[in-house]
Every structure is written in C-alpha cells, then in structure tokens.
Amino acid sequence: MSWKNHSVLMEFMFLAYPSCSELRVLSFLGLSLVYALIVTGNVLIMLAIQTDARLHTPMYYFLGSLSGVEICYTTVVVPHMLSNTIQTQKTITFLGCATQMAFFIGLGSADCFLLAVMAYDRYVAICHPLQYPLIVTLTLCGRLIVASVVIGFFLSTQLVVFIFFLPFCQARGIKHFFCDVPPVMQLVCTNSHFHEHSVLVAATLAIAVPFFLIATSYAFIVSAVLRIHSAAGRSRACSTCSSHLTVVLLQYGCCAFMYLRPSSSYSPTKDQLLSLVYTLGTPLLNPLIYTLRNNEVKGALGRILAKHCLSKRGREKPISHSCNTKVDVLHHKYVMEKKGGNSVDGGLPYNIPGPSQDATPVAYERRTLDMEGNGEIMVDARGKKE
C-alpha cells in the first residue's frame, strides 16, 4: 500500500485516555491549568527580555528563544490532548499523526540544541570573559538560534518519513496520549534490527550529540572555576550556570530514558507517565527555575508587574494606595502672576494658566513617593535640598 493510500484510509486510535467521565473532567481541568501556566510563564519571560534593555544580551536572547520553542512544543500536543479528553472518538489520521510527530520531534530537538548553544555561551562568558563581546555577537546569536531550529526539523523530517513509510499492522491502537516515536513503532509489522538501529541513530543525533557538547562545555567551565582563587568569584561563576544545568539534567534525563533504548524495553504505562514529565513538567518548571535563580529576570518581571499595576490603578485614581513600589515623580511648581500683582501657587497639571495669565516656572522639585501619600523632596531646580 502506498503512503498516499495510507494517509487516506488509515486512522489511529489513542488508548491511554481515561474512560470514566469523572476522570475525564479532572484530566481536562488539570491539563488546562498546566497548559495555561506553561504559556503564561514562558510568555512573561519573553516579555521581560523584550521590554527590559538590561536583558538585551545573547544569554537572555537564548533564554527567550528557549521559552518560545517550549510554548510551540507543548502547543503541538496539549490542545489535541484536551480535545481527546472530552471526545468519545479519540482518533487521528495517518497524515495528522505524521505531522504531529514531525513538529513534536523537531521542536524537541531544537530545544536540545538550544540548551547546547546556551552551554557554549556560558563557556565563553566564564572561560574567555574579555573576548566574550567579540565572540558571542548578536549576529552569531541569531544564527545559532536559527541553526538549532533548522537542524531539529531536518532530523525530525528524516525520522518521520522513515517511520511512516514502514508497513503498519492491522492493529491501529496507540497506547499513548499523542503520536510519539516508541508507541508508533510498536505498530510496525517488521521486526528488522535495521529499522530499530535507524531510529536510535536519529535519536542519538538529536539527544546525545547536544548532550556531549554540553558536557564538554561544562568540563571547561569546571576547570576554569577551579582556577578562581576567590570564593566570591567561584560563587558568581556557579550561579550563572546553575539554572541552565538544572534544566539540562531534567530535560536530558527524561529524553535519554525515552528514546535512547531498544524498542523491546518499551513499557506503555511507564512511558505514558514519563512523556507527561518532559511534555508538561519541563516546560512548566523552566520559567520557575530561571526566575527563582536569576535576580535580573526576577527584577525585570517585578518592574513589568509594577508598571502594569501602576497603569491600571492610575486609570482609577491619581495615586494607588495598594502598591508598595516607590516611583519618582517630577513635581513642577509654577507661580502665576495675575493682573494686579496677585500670585497663585499651583501645581501642574491641575492649575494651568489661562490666556490672560503669565506663567513663570520658578522651581522644579524631584520627589520620591511611596504610594501611600508620603513624600520627601529631594532636590529643587537650584540644587538646594529641602
């Protein structure tokens, strides 16, 4: 049967979803909550990097790209999982299964290569700090991000084409939540070691090669850190890598166990639980890991939320009493001289002189207000402290 006829006639059915209506509702609500948290956390990181000029560096561009890839990575499978959770017929077409696997493996491979690129960035920053601005330029940063995505999709396309040109058995039930490589390979009728080895080679290129590059980078980083004499210097060097290393161990631990093994060791129940970890758990934990262990990202997110709070409260009343954030307010005092020599002391923008009034600015005062109405005048226009 040709591949074209396969795509028209065949449908796969997912067998891992619960049949009990109560469990289906709980699964739907849980998946929806986790997916919303994944999208929100990663979008906040991308927004913080985009809006804060202090984060416009290659390291944070890589982090923002990783967040974008993980949003797409979960979007490939989670909306379809939500749909299957509430539907009676949990099926997918042959072409739809191939497309889902291609994007899932492609974005997952791009994720792995981006982690390797981030390890290289940390290696240059710690081992060659003086040459870092010359080596890791924004142009190189963009090229490495594009190369990670292109290589990931190139490998996934080769793998998917190879798998879906194999003959499938009459049993069309996939013991999984989505179209992943190990459960789909269980439906292939041929038991040739050549096919199994071909899949292992593709998985090795997508997982083991980036991990080898990461391990090499961290070997040089550890060597450089051990040569640092001051404890403060070692602490700073380790803090720049701790978040990335945590994500690497979490991501590669699950992927290696899932893909770098023979198909004979496939266990549906264990693999279903493990797939939820690297499909939902890793993208959910990454924003938490990078924000909790990175003061610059935490500061940027705090400034974004404070700005949003101020703008929201500002539409309701001039000064919000619910925020503890301090803001600098430039307070203008104008002395307006009316006809007849009378003076009126007012503050912009509340008292604006009319056409018959002659306004003369005499002082500009910078104040620090703490959002509870307390203010302290710092310096006026003449440089005098009050």
Protein backbone atom coordinates (compact mmCIF):
# COMPACT_ATOMS: atom_id res chain seq x y z
CA MET A 1 0.00 0.00 0.00
CA SER A 2 1.41 3.39 -0.94
CA TRP A 3 1.95 6.21 1.50
CA LYS A 4 -0.82 8.22 -0.20
CA ASN A 5 -3.31 5.40 0.32
CA HIS A 6 -2.13 5.10 3.94
CA SER A 7 -2.94 8.77 4.56
CA VAL A 8 -6.44 8.40 3.11
CA LEU A 9 -7.54 5.07 4.58
CA MET A 10 -5.77 4.75 7.93
CA GLU A 11 -6.69 6.18 11.29
CA PHE A 12 -5.02 5.62 14.64
CA MET A 13 -6.84 5.48 17.96
CA PHE A 14 -5.33 6.60 21.26
CA LEU A 15 -5.87 4.11 24.08
CA ALA A 16 -4.26 5.87 27.05
CA TYR A 17 -7.09 8.29 27.89
CA PRO A 18 -9.40 7.53 30.84
CA SER A 19 -12.87 6.19 30.05
CA CYS A 20 -14.50 7.26 33.31
CA SER A 21 -16.37 10.58 32.90
CA GLU A 22 -15.16 11.94 36.27
CA LEU A 23 -11.54 11.22 35.41
CA ARG A 24 -12.01 12.79 32.00
CA VAL A 25 -13.26 16.01 33.58
CA LEU A 26 -10.42 16.08 36.11
CA SER A 27 -7.89 15.35 33.36
CA PHE A 28 -9.28 18.15 31.22
CA LEU A 29 -9.16 20.68 34.07
CA GLY A 30 -5.67 19.62 35.12
CA LEU A 31 -4.29 19.77 31.58
CA SER A 32 -5.92 23.17 31.01
CA LEU A 33 -4.40 24.58 34.20
CA VAL A 34 -0.92 23.26 33.46
CA TYR A 35 -1.04 24.47 29.85
CA ALA A 36 -2.15 27.94 30.96
CA LEU A 37 0.71 28.10 33.47
CA ILE A 38 3.23 26.97 30.83
CA VAL A 39 2.13 29.60 28.33
CA THR A 40 1.91 32.36 30.97
CA GLY A 41 5.32 31.63 32.50
CA ASN A 42 7.17 31.45 29.20
CA VAL A 43 5.38 34.48 27.75
CA LEU A 44 6.34 36.51 30.84
CA ILE A 45 9.99 35.57 30.34
CA MET A 46 9.85 36.58 26.67
CA LEU A 47 8.09 39.83 27.59
CA ALA A 48 10.65 40.66 30.28
CA ILE A 49 13.54 40.10 27.87
CA GLN A 50 11.84 42.14 25.15
CA THR A 51 10.96 45.15 27.30
CA ASP A 52 13.97 45.40 29.64
CA ALA A 53 17.05 46.84 27.91
CA ARG A 54 19.32 45.33 30.58
CA LEU A 55 18.36 41.87 29.32
CA HIS A 56 19.25 42.57 25.68
CA THR A 57 22.26 40.26 25.78
CA PRO A 58 22.93 36.95 23.97
CA MET A 59 22.37 34.88 27.12
CA TYR A 60 18.84 36.21 27.55
CA TYR A 61 18.08 36.07 23.83
CA PHE A 62 18.85 32.35 24.02
CA LEU A 63 16.59 32.06 27.06
CA GLY A 64 13.77 33.89 25.28
CA SER A 65 14.15 31.63 22.24
CA LEU A 66 14.04 28.57 24.51
CA SER A 67 10.78 29.84 26.03
CA GLY A 68 9.29 30.40 22.57
CA VAL A 69 10.26 26.92 21.43
CA GLU A 70 8.73 25.36 24.54
CA ILE A 71 5.44 27.18 24.02
CA CYS A 72 5.26 25.77 20.49
CA TYR A 73 6.48 22.38 21.72
CA THR A 74 3.59 21.97 24.16
CA THR A 75 1.06 23.54 21.79
CA VAL A 76 1.70 20.78 19.27
CA VAL A 77 0.26 18.11 21.59
CA VAL A 78 -1.65 19.65 24.53
CA PRO A 79 -4.65 21.16 22.65
CA HIS A 80 -5.11 17.83 20.86
CA MET A 81 -4.88 16.02 24.21
CA LEU A 82 -7.55 18.34 25.63
CA SER A 83 -9.79 17.61 22.67
CA ASN A 84 -9.32 13.86 23.00
CA THR A 85 -10.02 14.00 26.74
CA ILE A 86 -13.61 15.16 26.23
CA GLN A 87 -14.33 13.37 22.95
CA THR A 88 -15.68 9.86 22.61
CA GLN A 89 -13.69 9.02 19.47
CA LYS A 90 -10.01 9.60 20.21
CA THR A 91 -8.66 9.17 16.69
CA ILE A 92 -6.12 10.83 14.43
CA THR A 93 -5.48 10.39 10.74
CA PHE A 94 -2.33 8.89 9.32
CA LEU A 95 -1.20 12.25 7.93
CA GLY A 96 -2.18 14.05 11.13
CA CYS A 97 -0.14 11.62 13.22
CA ALA A 98 2.90 12.09 10.96
CA THR A 99 2.56 15.89 11.14
CA GLN A 100 2.20 15.91 14.92
CA MET A 101 5.26 13.69 15.33
CA ALA A 102 7.32 15.82 12.93
CA PHE A 103 6.62 19.04 14.84
CA PHE A 104 6.92 17.42 18.26
CA ILE A 105 10.29 15.79 17.50
CA GLY A 106 11.52 18.84 15.56
CA LEU A 107 10.77 21.32 18.34
CA GLY A 108 12.07 18.90 20.99
CA SER A 109 15.33 18.53 19.05
CA ALA A 110 15.57 22.31 18.66
CA ASP A 111 15.12 22.57 22.44
CA CYS A 112 18.07 20.21 22.95
CA PHE A 113 20.31 22.11 20.54
CA LEU A 114 19.37 25.44 22.15
CA LEU A 115 20.46 24.07 25.52
CA ALA A 116 23.79 23.12 23.93
CA VAL A 117 24.11 26.65 22.48
CA MET A 118 23.40 28.13 25.92
CA ALA A 119 26.13 25.92 27.40
CA TYR A 120 28.58 27.26 24.80
CA ASP A 121 27.53 30.81 25.69
CA ARG A 122 28.30 30.15 29.37
CA TYR A 123 31.63 28.57 28.44
CA VAL A 124 32.75 31.67 26.54
CA ALA A 125 31.46 34.02 29.28
CA ILE A 126 33.39 32.21 32.04
CA CYS A 127 36.50 30.94 30.26
CA HIS A 128 37.02 33.93 27.92
CA PRO A 129 35.27 36.87 29.61
CA LEU A 130 37.32 39.60 27.91
CA GLN A 131 36.67 38.21 24.44
CA TYR A 132 33.00 37.40 25.09
CA PRO A 133 31.56 40.54 23.39
CA LEU A 134 33.70 39.86 20.32
CA ILE A 135 32.89 36.14 20.09
CA VAL A 136 29.21 35.94 21.04
CA THR A 137 27.75 38.76 18.96
CA LEU A 138 24.06 39.29 18.29
CA THR A 139 24.62 38.12 14.71
CA LEU A 140 26.13 34.85 15.92
CA CYS A 141 23.32 34.58 18.46
CA GLY A 142 20.67 34.77 15.74
CA ARG A 143 22.48 32.31 13.51
CA LEU A 144 22.82 29.76 16.32
CA ILE A 145 19.11 30.03 17.16
CA VAL A 146 18.09 29.56 13.52
CA ALA A 147 20.56 26.68 13.10
CA SER A 148 19.13 24.91 16.17
CA VAL A 149 15.61 25.04 14.78
CA VAL A 150 16.65 24.05 11.23
CA ILE A 151 18.74 21.09 12.39
CA GLY A 152 15.94 19.95 14.72
CA PHE A 153 13.35 19.93 11.94
CA PHE A 154 15.77 18.35 9.47
CA LEU A 155 16.34 15.41 11.82
CA SER A 156 12.64 15.07 12.65
CA THR A 157 11.65 15.11 8.97
CA GLN A 158 14.10 12.34 8.15
CA LEU A 159 12.89 10.26 11.08
CA VAL A 160 9.17 10.72 10.40
CA VAL A 161 9.49 9.94 6.70
CA PHE A 162 11.42 6.79 7.56
CA ILE A 163 8.86 5.60 10.15
CA PHE A 164 5.71 6.32 8.18
CA PHE A 165 6.95 4.56 5.05
CA LEU A 166 7.17 1.32 7.02
CA PRO A 167 4.27 -1.17 6.81
CA PHE A 168 1.81 -0.97 9.71
CA CYS A 169 -0.16 -3.85 11.17
CA GLN A 170 -3.96 -4.07 11.31
CA ALA A 171 -4.00 -3.08 14.98
CA ARG A 172 -4.27 0.72 14.97
CA GLY A 173 -4.41 1.41 18.71
CA ILE A 174 -1.65 3.69 20.05
CA LYS A 175 -1.07 3.13 23.76
CA HIS A 176 -0.17 6.74 24.34
CA PHE A 177 -1.62 10.28 24.56
CA PHE A 178 -0.14 11.51 21.26
CA CYS A 179 1.95 10.32 18.32
CA ASP A 180 5.42 9.70 19.72
CA VAL A 181 8.15 7.51 18.27
CA PRO A 182 8.19 4.50 20.67
CA PRO A 183 4.41 3.80 20.72
CA VAL A 184 4.05 4.28 16.95
CA MET A 185 6.99 1.94 16.29
CA GLN A 186 5.07 -0.75 18.19
CA LEU A 187 2.53 -0.79 15.33
CA VAL A 188 5.13 -1.51 12.64
CA CYS A 189 4.87 -5.05 11.29
CA THR A 190 8.56 -5.51 10.51
CA ASN A 191 10.94 -6.60 13.28
CA SER A 192 14.14 -5.74 11.47
CA HIS A 193 17.06 -4.57 13.59
CA PHE A 194 17.91 -2.18 10.79
CA HIS A 195 14.77 -0.11 11.43
CA GLU A 196 15.38 -0.05 15.17
CA HIS A 197 19.01 0.99 14.72
CA SER A 198 17.99 3.72 12.28
CA VAL A 199 15.64 5.23 14.86
CA LEU A 200 18.36 5.01 17.52
CA VAL A 201 20.81 6.83 15.23
CA ALA A 202 18.34 9.67 14.68
CA ALA A 203 17.66 9.89 18.42
CA THR A 204 21.39 9.89 19.12
CA LEU A 205 21.96 12.80 16.74
CA ALA A 206 19.14 14.80 18.34
CA ILE A 207 19.88 13.99 22.00
CA ALA A 208 23.33 12.51 22.59
CA VAL A 209 25.29 14.90 20.36
CA PRO A 210 23.95 18.09 22.05
CA PHE A 211 24.47 16.47 25.44
CA PHE A 212 28.09 15.70 24.54
CA LEU A 213 28.60 19.36 23.57
CA ILE A 214 27.05 20.45 26.88
CA ALA A 215 29.23 18.06 28.87
CA THR A 216 32.35 19.30 27.05
CA SER A 217 31.44 22.95 27.74
CA TYR A 218 30.89 22.26 31.43
CA ALA A 219 34.15 20.36 31.68
CA PHE A 220 35.98 23.51 30.56
CA ILE A 221 33.80 25.64 32.85
CA VAL A 222 34.60 23.49 35.90
CA SER A 223 38.30 23.68 35.04
CA ALA A 224 38.11 27.47 34.82
CA VAL A 225 36.13 27.80 38.06
CA LEU A 226 38.65 25.69 39.97
CA ARG A 227 41.39 28.14 38.94
CA ILE A 228 39.49 31.06 40.50
CA HIS A 229 41.02 31.83 43.90
CA SER A 230 38.29 33.95 45.48
CA ALA A 231 35.18 32.31 46.90
CA ALA A 232 33.01 35.18 45.64
CA GLY A 233 34.27 34.68 42.11
CA ARG A 234 33.52 30.96 42.24
CA SER A 235 30.06 31.66 43.61
CA ARG A 236 29.27 34.11 40.78
CA ALA A 237 30.51 31.67 38.15
CA CYS A 238 28.44 28.82 39.57
CA SER A 239 25.32 30.96 39.89
CA THR A 240 25.40 31.79 36.19
CA CYS A 241 25.30 28.09 35.29
CA SER A 242 23.13 26.54 38.00
CA SER A 243 19.78 27.29 36.36
CA HIS A 244 20.90 26.03 32.97
CA LEU A 245 22.44 22.89 34.43
CA THR A 246 19.24 22.09 36.33
CA VAL A 247 17.17 22.35 33.14
CA VAL A 248 19.68 20.22 31.21
CA LEU A 249 19.58 17.39 33.74
CA LEU A 250 15.78 17.43 33.83
CA GLN A 251 15.37 17.55 30.05
CA TYR A 252 18.04 15.08 29.01
CA GLY A 253 17.32 12.62 31.80
CA CYS A 254 13.76 12.09 30.55
CA CYS A 255 14.59 12.17 26.82
CA ALA A 256 17.52 9.77 27.11
CA PHE A 257 15.43 7.22 29.01
CA MET A 258 12.58 7.56 26.49
CA TYR A 259 14.45 7.43 23.18
CA LEU A 260 17.95 6.03 23.70
CA ARG A 261 16.92 2.43 24.34
CA PRO A 262 15.79 -0.59 22.31
CA SER A 263 12.10 -0.94 21.49
CA SER A 264 11.97 -4.28 23.32
CA SER A 265 12.15 -2.42 26.66
CA TYR A 266 9.07 -0.34 25.84
CA SER A 267 6.58 -0.21 28.74
CA PRO A 268 3.31 1.63 27.91
CA THR A 269 2.33 2.66 31.45
CA LYS A 270 5.77 3.92 32.49
CA ASP A 271 6.34 5.67 29.18
CA GLN A 272 2.99 7.44 29.39
CA LEU A 273 3.89 8.93 32.76
CA LEU A 274 7.38 9.82 31.60
CA SER A 275 6.05 11.53 28.48
CA LEU A 276 3.91 13.79 30.67
CA VAL A 277 7.06 14.82 32.57
CA TYR A 278 9.03 16.01 29.54
CA THR A 279 5.94 17.30 27.69
CA LEU A 280 4.36 19.24 30.57
CA GLY A 281 6.72 19.16 33.55
CA THR A 282 9.87 20.51 31.93
CA PRO A 283 8.23 23.48 30.14
CA LEU A 284 6.35 24.27 33.37
CA LEU A 285 9.45 24.19 35.59
CA ASN A 286 11.81 26.04 33.25
CA PRO A 287 10.31 29.52 33.86
CA LEU A 288 10.28 28.85 37.61
CA ILE A 289 13.91 27.69 37.60
CA TYR A 290 15.16 30.65 35.59
CA THR A 291 13.16 33.26 37.53
CA LEU A 292 13.79 31.92 41.03
CA ARG A 293 17.54 31.59 40.48
CA ASN A 294 18.11 34.69 38.34
CA ASN A 295 17.86 38.07 40.04
CA GLU A 296 17.92 40.01 36.76
CA VAL A 297 14.91 38.15 35.36
CA LYS A 298 13.10 38.48 38.70
CA GLY A 299 13.80 42.20 38.72
CA ALA A 300 12.56 42.63 35.14
CA LEU A 301 9.36 40.72 35.88
CA GLY A 302 8.84 42.78 39.03
CA ARG A 303 9.20 46.02 37.08
CA ILE A 304 6.73 44.80 34.44
CA LEU A 305 4.14 43.80 37.04
CA ALA A 306 4.66 47.05 38.98
CA LYS A 307 4.25 49.09 35.80
CA HIS A 308 1.09 47.20 34.93
CA CYS A 309 -0.24 47.74 38.47
CA LEU A 310 0.50 51.46 38.32
CA SER A 311 -1.08 51.91 34.91
CA LYS A 312 -4.18 50.01 36.00
CA ARG A 313 -4.53 51.95 39.24
CA GLY A 314 -3.75 55.19 37.50
CA ARG A 315 -6.94 54.88 35.48
CA GLU A 316 -8.92 54.67 38.70
CA LYS A 317 -7.21 57.31 40.88
CA PRO A 318 -4.08 59.50 40.67
CA ILE A 319 -2.01 57.52 43.20
CA SER A 320 -2.58 53.92 44.15
CA HIS A 321 -2.58 53.10 47.85
CA SER A 322 -2.30 49.35 47.26
CA CYS A 323 1.19 49.28 45.78
CA ASN A 324 4.34 49.50 47.86
CA THR A 325 6.52 50.33 44.88
CA LYS A 326 8.35 53.63 45.02
CA VAL A 327 8.24 55.89 41.98
CA ASP A 328 10.00 59.11 41.21
CA VAL A 329 7.66 62.00 40.47
CA LEU A 330 8.84 65.24 38.94
CA HIS A 331 6.70 67.89 40.63
CA HIS A 332 6.50 71.26 38.90
CA LYS A 333 5.64 74.40 40.81
CA TYR A 334 4.55 77.40 38.89
CA VAL A 335 3.97 80.89 40.25
CA MET A 336 1.25 82.50 38.19
CA GLU A 337 1.12 86.26 38.28
CA LYS A 338 -2.30 87.72 37.64
CA LYS A 339 -3.09 91.25 36.76
CA GLY A 340 -2.86 93.43 39.83
CA GLY A 341 0.22 91.63 41.24
CA ASN A 342 -1.59 88.77 43.00
CA SER A 343 0.27 85.45 42.99
CA VAL A 344 -1.22 81.99 42.84
CA ASP A 345 0.82 78.89 43.69
CA GLY A 346 -0.39 75.83 41.80
CA GLY A 347 0.96 72.56 40.51
CA LEU A 348 0.66 71.16 37.02
CA PRO A 349 -1.39 69.65 35.56
CA TYR A 350 -4.20 70.83 37.83
CA ASN A 351 -3.79 74.66 37.60
CA ILE A 352 -2.90 75.67 34.06
CA PRO A 353 -2.63 79.41 33.40
CA GLY A 354 -5.21 80.83 31.04
CA PRO A 355 -4.56 83.13 28.11
CA SER A 356 -4.59 86.22 30.31
CA GLN A 357 -2.11 84.81 32.81
CA ASP A 358 1.64 84.91 32.55
CA ALA A 359 3.16 81.67 33.87
CA THR A 360 6.78 81.66 35.01
CA PRO A 361 8.39 78.39 36.17
CA VAL A 362 10.43 79.09 39.25
CA ALA A 363 11.23 75.67 40.69
CA TYR A 364 11.33 72.01 39.74
CA GLU A 365 11.31 69.60 42.63
CA ARG A 366 12.07 65.85 42.45
CA ARG A 367 10.16 63.82 44.99
CA THR A 368 10.08 60.18 45.99
CA LEU A 369 6.58 59.00 46.78
CA ASP A 370 5.91 55.62 48.39
CA MET A 371 2.36 55.16 47.06
CA GLU A 372 0.90 55.81 50.50
CA GLY A 373 0.99 59.57 50.15
CA ASN A 374 4.30 60.09 51.95
CA GLY A 375 6.80 62.19 50.04
CA GLU A 376 10.23 63.60 50.60
CA ILE A 377 11.51 66.49 48.49
CA MET A 378 15.00 65.60 47.29
CA VAL A 379 16.45 68.44 45.19
CA ASP A 380 14.91 71.52 43.62
CA ALA A 381 15.95 73.28 40.40
CA ARG A 382 18.53 75.44 42.16
CA GLY A 383 20.26 72.40 43.71
CA LYS A 384 19.01 73.10 47.25
CA LYS A 385 17.94 70.22 49.45
CA GLU A 386 14.70 70.68 51.38
